[in-house]
Amino acid sequence: MGLGSVFSGGVEAIRLTIESMQVEVQHEEWLQQDALGKPVYDAPIVRLAIVQEGRRQVQTLDGRTVTIRAILTFYPATNGEPVPIMKVQDRITLPSGLIGIISEIRDSSTNPETAAAYVRTLWLV
């Protein structure tokens, strides 16, 4: 049994444990800026995430201190789909109505055999 299989089993056990704690959020991929400099987003996709709302100051990977409005954690889907791909500048709408832009993404663990993320955590500003 490879290291990737061991991690996959552990992540699956965690996912089953936290499944009831996940809520639906809307993810809109940033596409470009229009002629006036306004952001243009793709149609929203509903995704499941654990959401922790609340303002807090955090330190970015490059050492800056920023104020964020929420932390979201994504796990692989029950149908076997991997953790969703997202990027900085994408927009997320939470069940509370809060709309935020992704400011930083952290893959807290990855499969050593495939480099695919097991868990993806992101910050909203």
C-alpha atoms as a PDB file:
ATOM      1  CA  MET A   1       0.000   0.000   0.000  1.00  0.00           C
ATOM      2  CA  GLY A   2       1.540   3.308  -1.109  1.00  0.00           C
ATOM      3  CA  LEU A   3       1.691   6.491   0.910  1.00  0.00           C
ATOM      4  CA  GLY A   4      -0.943   8.032  -1.376  1.00  0.00           C
ATOM      5  CA  SER A   5      -3.406   5.251  -0.503  1.00  0.00           C
ATOM      6  CA  VAL A   6      -2.839   5.763   3.207  1.00  0.00           C
ATOM      7  CA  PHE A   7      -3.498   9.513   2.908  1.00  0.00           C
ATOM      8  CA  SER A   8      -6.537   8.919   0.681  1.00  0.00           C
ATOM      9  CA  GLY A   9      -8.073   6.619   3.296  1.00  0.00           C
ATOM     10  CA  GLY A  10      -7.480   9.156   6.058  1.00  0.00           C
ATOM     11  CA  VAL A  11      -8.940  12.015   4.021  1.00  0.00           C
ATOM     12  CA  GLU A  12     -11.996   9.898   3.195  1.00  0.00           C
ATOM     13  CA  ALA A  13     -12.570   9.182   6.897  1.00  0.00           C
ATOM     14  CA  ILE A  14     -12.324  12.897   7.689  1.00  0.00           C
ATOM     15  CA  ARG A  15     -14.640  13.792   4.790  1.00  0.00           C
ATOM     16  CA  LEU A  16     -17.308  11.390   6.041  1.00  0.00           C
ATOM     17  CA  THR A  17     -17.011  12.874   9.534  1.00  0.00           C
ATOM     18  CA  ILE A  18     -17.410  16.492   8.413  1.00  0.00           C
ATOM     19  CA  GLU A  19     -19.926  15.879   5.618  1.00  0.00           C
ATOM     20  CA  SER A  20     -22.857  17.230   7.659  1.00  0.00           C
ATOM     21  CA  MET A  21     -20.895  20.398   8.502  1.00  0.00           C
ATOM     22  CA  GLN A  22     -20.533  21.451   4.861  1.00  0.00           C
ATOM     23  CA  VAL A  23     -22.767  24.092   3.286  1.00  0.00           C
ATOM     24  CA  GLU A  24     -23.407  25.077  -0.317  1.00  0.00           C
ATOM     25  CA  VAL A  25     -21.444  28.055  -1.616  1.00  0.00           C
ATOM     26  CA  GLN A  26     -21.438  29.573  -5.091  1.00  0.00           C
ATOM     27  CA  HIS A  27     -18.105  29.721  -6.899  1.00  0.00           C
ATOM     28  CA  GLU A  28     -17.684  32.094  -9.853  1.00  0.00           C
ATOM     29  CA  GLU A  29     -14.475  31.825 -11.820  1.00  0.00           C
ATOM     30  CA  TRP A  30     -12.807  35.151 -12.686  1.00  0.00           C
ATOM     31  CA  LEU A  31     -12.504  35.402 -16.460  1.00  0.00           C
ATOM     32  CA  GLN A  32     -11.188  38.878 -17.258  1.00  0.00           C
ATOM     33  CA  GLN A  33     -11.736  42.594 -16.857  1.00  0.00           C
ATOM     34  CA  ASP A  34     -14.113  44.371 -19.210  1.00  0.00           C
ATOM     35  CA  ALA A  35     -13.224  47.542 -21.128  1.00  0.00           C
ATOM     36  CA  LEU A  36     -13.995  49.644 -18.032  1.00  0.00           C
ATOM     37  CA  GLY A  37     -11.824  47.520 -15.750  1.00  0.00           C
ATOM     38  CA  LYS A  38     -14.760  45.768 -14.070  1.00  0.00           C
ATOM     39  CA  PRO A  39     -14.275  42.040 -13.323  1.00  0.00           C
ATOM     40  CA  VAL A  40     -16.150  39.511 -15.454  1.00  0.00           C
ATOM     41  CA  TYR A  41     -17.058  36.133 -13.902  1.00  0.00           C
ATOM     42  CA  ASP A  42     -18.310  32.828 -15.283  1.00  0.00           C
ATOM     43  CA  ALA A  43     -21.690  31.410 -14.237  1.00  0.00           C
ATOM     44  CA  PRO A  44     -21.772  30.235 -10.600  1.00  0.00           C
ATOM     45  CA  ILE A  45     -21.111  26.616  -9.681  1.00  0.00           C
ATOM     46  CA  VAL A  46     -22.483  25.240  -6.413  1.00  0.00           C
ATOM     47  CA  ARG A  47     -19.817  23.600  -4.251  1.00  0.00           C
ATOM     48  CA  LEU A  48     -19.751  22.172  -0.713  1.00  0.00           C
ATOM     49  CA  ALA A  49     -17.402  23.690   1.856  1.00  0.00           C
ATOM     50  CA  ILE A  50     -16.884  24.161   5.562  1.00  0.00           C
ATOM     51  CA  VAL A  51     -17.268  27.904   6.160  1.00  0.00           C
ATOM     52  CA  GLN A  52     -15.875  29.916   9.072  1.00  0.00           C
ATOM     53  CA  GLU A  53     -17.150  33.479   8.781  1.00  0.00           C
ATOM     54  CA  GLY A  54     -15.703  36.343  10.767  1.00  0.00           C
ATOM     55  CA  ARG A  55     -13.102  39.039  10.337  1.00  0.00           C
ATOM     56  CA  ARG A  56      -9.592  38.120  11.389  1.00  0.00           C
ATOM     57  CA  GLN A  57      -6.073  39.129  10.595  1.00  0.00           C
ATOM     58  CA  VAL A  58      -3.840  36.496   9.046  1.00  0.00           C
ATOM     59  CA  GLN A  59      -0.329  36.392   7.646  1.00  0.00           C
ATOM     60  CA  THR A  60       0.059  35.562   3.958  1.00  0.00           C
ATOM     61  CA  LEU A  61       2.731  33.256   2.592  1.00  0.00           C
ATOM     62  CA  ASP A  62       4.761  36.305   1.559  1.00  0.00           C
ATOM     63  CA  GLY A  63       4.625  37.731   5.102  1.00  0.00           C
ATOM     64  CA  ARG A  64       1.966  40.439   4.725  1.00  0.00           C
ATOM     65  CA  THR A  65      -0.794  40.805   7.319  1.00  0.00           C
ATOM     66  CA  VAL A  66      -4.280  41.042   5.787  1.00  0.00           C
ATOM     67  CA  THR A  67      -7.822  41.117   7.128  1.00  0.00           C
ATOM     68  CA  ILE A  68     -10.038  38.347   5.778  1.00  0.00           C
ATOM     69  CA  ARG A  69     -13.794  37.857   6.123  1.00  0.00           C
ATOM     70  CA  ALA A  70     -14.040  34.054   5.912  1.00  0.00           C
ATOM     71  CA  ILE A  71     -12.068  30.828   5.669  1.00  0.00           C
ATOM     72  CA  LEU A  72     -13.420  28.035   3.470  1.00  0.00           C
ATOM     73  CA  THR A  73     -12.244  24.427   3.387  1.00  0.00           C
ATOM     74  CA  PHE A  74     -13.029  22.095   0.493  1.00  0.00           C
ATOM     75  CA  TYR A  75     -12.766  18.292   0.461  1.00  0.00           C
ATOM     76  CA  PRO A  76     -13.150  15.793  -2.402  1.00  0.00           C
ATOM     77  CA  ALA A  77     -16.767  15.175  -3.449  1.00  0.00           C
ATOM     78  CA  THR A  78     -18.575  11.997  -2.431  1.00  0.00           C
ATOM     79  CA  ASN A  79     -18.741  10.920  -6.088  1.00  0.00           C
ATOM     80  CA  GLY A  80     -14.943  10.783  -6.247  1.00  0.00           C
ATOM     81  CA  GLU A  81     -14.424  14.157  -7.917  1.00  0.00           C
ATOM     82  CA  PRO A  82     -11.241  15.833  -6.684  1.00  0.00           C
ATOM     83  CA  VAL A  83     -11.076  19.012  -4.642  1.00  0.00           C
ATOM     84  CA  PRO A  84     -12.275  21.831  -6.923  1.00  0.00           C
ATOM     85  CA  ILE A  85      -9.707  23.932  -8.757  1.00  0.00           C
ATOM     86  CA  MET A  86      -9.971  27.597  -7.813  1.00  0.00           C
ATOM     87  CA  LYS A  87      -7.751  30.609  -8.211  1.00  0.00           C
ATOM     88  CA  VAL A  88      -7.086  33.939  -6.588  1.00  0.00           C
ATOM     89  CA  GLN A  89      -9.595  36.537  -7.902  1.00  0.00           C
ATOM     90  CA  ASP A  90     -12.454  34.011  -8.153  1.00  0.00           C
ATOM     91  CA  ARG A  91     -15.599  35.099  -6.319  1.00  0.00           C
ATOM     92  CA  ILE A  92     -17.487  33.096  -3.670  1.00  0.00           C
ATOM     93  CA  THR A  93     -20.991  33.752  -2.338  1.00  0.00           C
ATOM     94  CA  LEU A  94     -21.756  32.259   1.088  1.00  0.00           C
ATOM     95  CA  PRO A  95     -25.193  31.171   2.384  1.00  0.00           C
ATOM     96  CA  SER A  96     -25.233  34.295   4.588  1.00  0.00           C
ATOM     97  CA  GLY A  97     -25.085  36.470   1.471  1.00  0.00           C
ATOM     98  CA  LEU A  98     -21.461  37.484   2.023  1.00  0.00           C
ATOM     99  CA  ILE A  99     -19.650  37.825  -1.303  1.00  0.00           C
ATOM    100  CA  GLY A 100     -15.884  37.643  -1.197  1.00  0.00           C
ATOM    101  CA  ILE A 101     -12.902  37.400  -3.500  1.00  0.00           C
ATOM    102  CA  ILE A 102     -10.356  34.628  -2.961  1.00  0.00           C
ATOM    103  CA  SER A 103      -7.142  36.212  -1.717  1.00  0.00           C
ATOM    104  CA  GLU A 104      -5.042  33.139  -0.924  1.00  0.00           C
ATOM    105  CA  ILE A 105      -5.309  29.386  -1.439  1.00  0.00           C
ATOM    106  CA  ARG A 106      -3.521  26.801   0.659  1.00  0.00           C
ATOM    107  CA  ASP A 107      -3.479  23.114  -0.171  1.00  0.00           C
ATOM    108  CA  SER A 108      -3.009  21.687   3.299  1.00  0.00           C
ATOM    109  CA  SER A 109      -2.209  18.210   2.071  1.00  0.00           C
ATOM    110  CA  THR A 110      -1.548  16.669  -1.312  1.00  0.00           C
ATOM    111  CA  ASN A 111      -1.283  13.167  -2.667  1.00  0.00           C
ATOM    112  CA  PRO A 112       2.466  12.458  -2.894  1.00  0.00           C
ATOM    113  CA  GLU A 113       1.918  10.217  -5.917  1.00  0.00           C
ATOM    114  CA  THR A 114      -0.313  12.534  -8.009  1.00  0.00           C
ATOM    115  CA  ALA A 115       0.249  15.988  -6.424  1.00  0.00           C
ATOM    116  CA  ALA A 116      -3.564  16.405  -6.332  1.00  0.00           C
ATOM    117  CA  ALA A 117      -4.916  18.283  -3.318  1.00  0.00           C
ATOM    118  CA  TYR A 118      -6.749  16.319  -0.638  1.00  0.00           C
ATOM    119  CA  VAL A 119      -7.887  19.455   1.167  1.00  0.00           C
ATOM    120  CA  ARG A 120      -7.986  23.033  -0.119  1.00  0.00           C
ATOM    121  CA  THR A 121      -8.377  25.999   2.231  1.00  0.00           C
ATOM    122  CA  LEU A 122      -8.899  29.515   0.980  1.00  0.00           C
ATOM    123  CA  TRP A 123      -9.369  32.988   2.393  1.00  0.00           C
ATOM    124  CA  LEU A 124     -11.978  35.522   1.337  1.00  0.00           C
ATOM    125  CA  VAL A 125     -11.455  39.265   1.495  1.00  0.00           C
END
